[in-house]
Amino acid sequence: MQKAVIEYGGEPVGIVVPEGNRLKFIAVKFHVHPLDEQRFDSPEAVTSAIRDLMVRGWPKEAMHA
């Protein structure tokens, strides 16, 4: 596993960095911040989580933080 830029909709939204045997996502755009510092098995899993977030929207607890 290696560092990689994660794009969504053609725009860079974060990076993944190896952490143990997984990848830690570091968000660089506000709209994907709920996923910041979560661990994933692959860059594709991050993209899938971003897609799910865009479809379902922000978690309510994040709206009040």
Protein backbone atom coordinates (compact mmCIF):
# COMPACT_ATOMS: atom_id res chain seq x y z
CA MET A 1 0.00 0.00 0.00
CA GLN A 2 1.18 3.48 -0.80
CA LYS A 3 0.13 7.10 -0.58
CA ALA A 4 -2.44 8.18 -3.13
CA VAL A 5 -4.57 11.20 -3.98
CA ILE A 6 -8.30 10.49 -3.84
CA GLU A 7 -10.48 12.28 -6.36
CA TYR A 8 -14.24 12.53 -6.53
CA GLY A 9 -15.98 14.10 -9.48
CA GLY A 10 -12.60 14.94 -10.98
CA GLU A 11 -11.56 16.98 -7.94
CA PRO A 12 -8.94 15.99 -5.37
CA VAL A 13 -10.76 15.60 -2.03
CA GLY A 14 -8.14 13.89 0.12
CA ILE A 15 -5.25 11.50 0.36
CA VAL A 16 -4.70 8.03 1.76
CA VAL A 17 -1.58 7.09 3.67
CA PRO A 18 -0.56 3.60 4.79
CA GLU A 19 -1.24 2.82 8.42
CA GLY A 20 -0.53 -0.75 9.39
CA ASN A 21 -2.15 -2.93 6.77
CA ARG A 22 -4.86 -0.35 5.94
CA LEU A 23 -5.09 3.14 4.48
CA LYS A 24 -5.96 6.20 6.53
CA PHE A 25 -8.00 8.82 4.67
CA ILE A 26 -7.09 12.46 5.24
CA ALA A 27 -9.76 14.81 3.95
CA VAL A 28 -8.74 18.07 2.31
CA LYS A 29 -12.23 19.20 1.28
CA PHE A 30 -14.98 20.13 3.71
CA HIS A 31 -17.71 17.99 2.10
CA VAL A 32 -15.81 14.74 2.81
CA HIS A 33 -14.68 15.68 6.32
CA PRO A 34 -16.96 13.09 8.02
CA LEU A 35 -14.61 10.43 6.58
CA ASP A 36 -11.44 12.13 7.83
CA GLU A 37 -9.01 9.74 9.57
CA GLN A 38 -11.13 6.66 8.88
CA ARG A 39 -9.30 3.51 7.78
CA PHE A 40 -10.04 1.66 4.55
CA ASP A 41 -8.79 -1.46 2.78
CA SER A 42 -8.26 0.21 -0.60
CA PRO A 43 -8.53 3.53 -2.45
CA GLU A 44 -11.65 2.13 -4.14
CA ALA A 45 -13.25 1.62 -0.72
CA VAL A 46 -12.60 5.30 0.07
CA THR A 47 -14.21 6.38 -3.19
CA SER A 48 -17.21 4.17 -2.45
CA ALA A 49 -17.56 5.69 1.04
CA ILE A 50 -17.39 9.19 -0.46
CA ARG A 51 -20.07 8.27 -3.00
CA ASP A 52 -22.29 6.94 -0.19
CA LEU A 53 -21.72 10.13 1.82
CA MET A 54 -22.69 12.30 -1.13
CA VAL A 55 -25.90 10.30 -1.63
CA ARG A 56 -27.04 10.16 2.00
CA GLY A 57 -25.60 13.51 3.12
CA TRP A 58 -23.83 14.56 6.29
CA PRO A 59 -24.52 12.70 9.53
CA LYS A 60 -26.78 14.80 11.79
CA GLU A 61 -24.21 14.84 14.62
CA ALA A 62 -21.64 16.42 12.27
CA MET A 63 -24.09 19.21 11.44
CA HIS A 64 -24.15 20.31 15.10
CA ALA A 65 -20.45 20.06 15.87
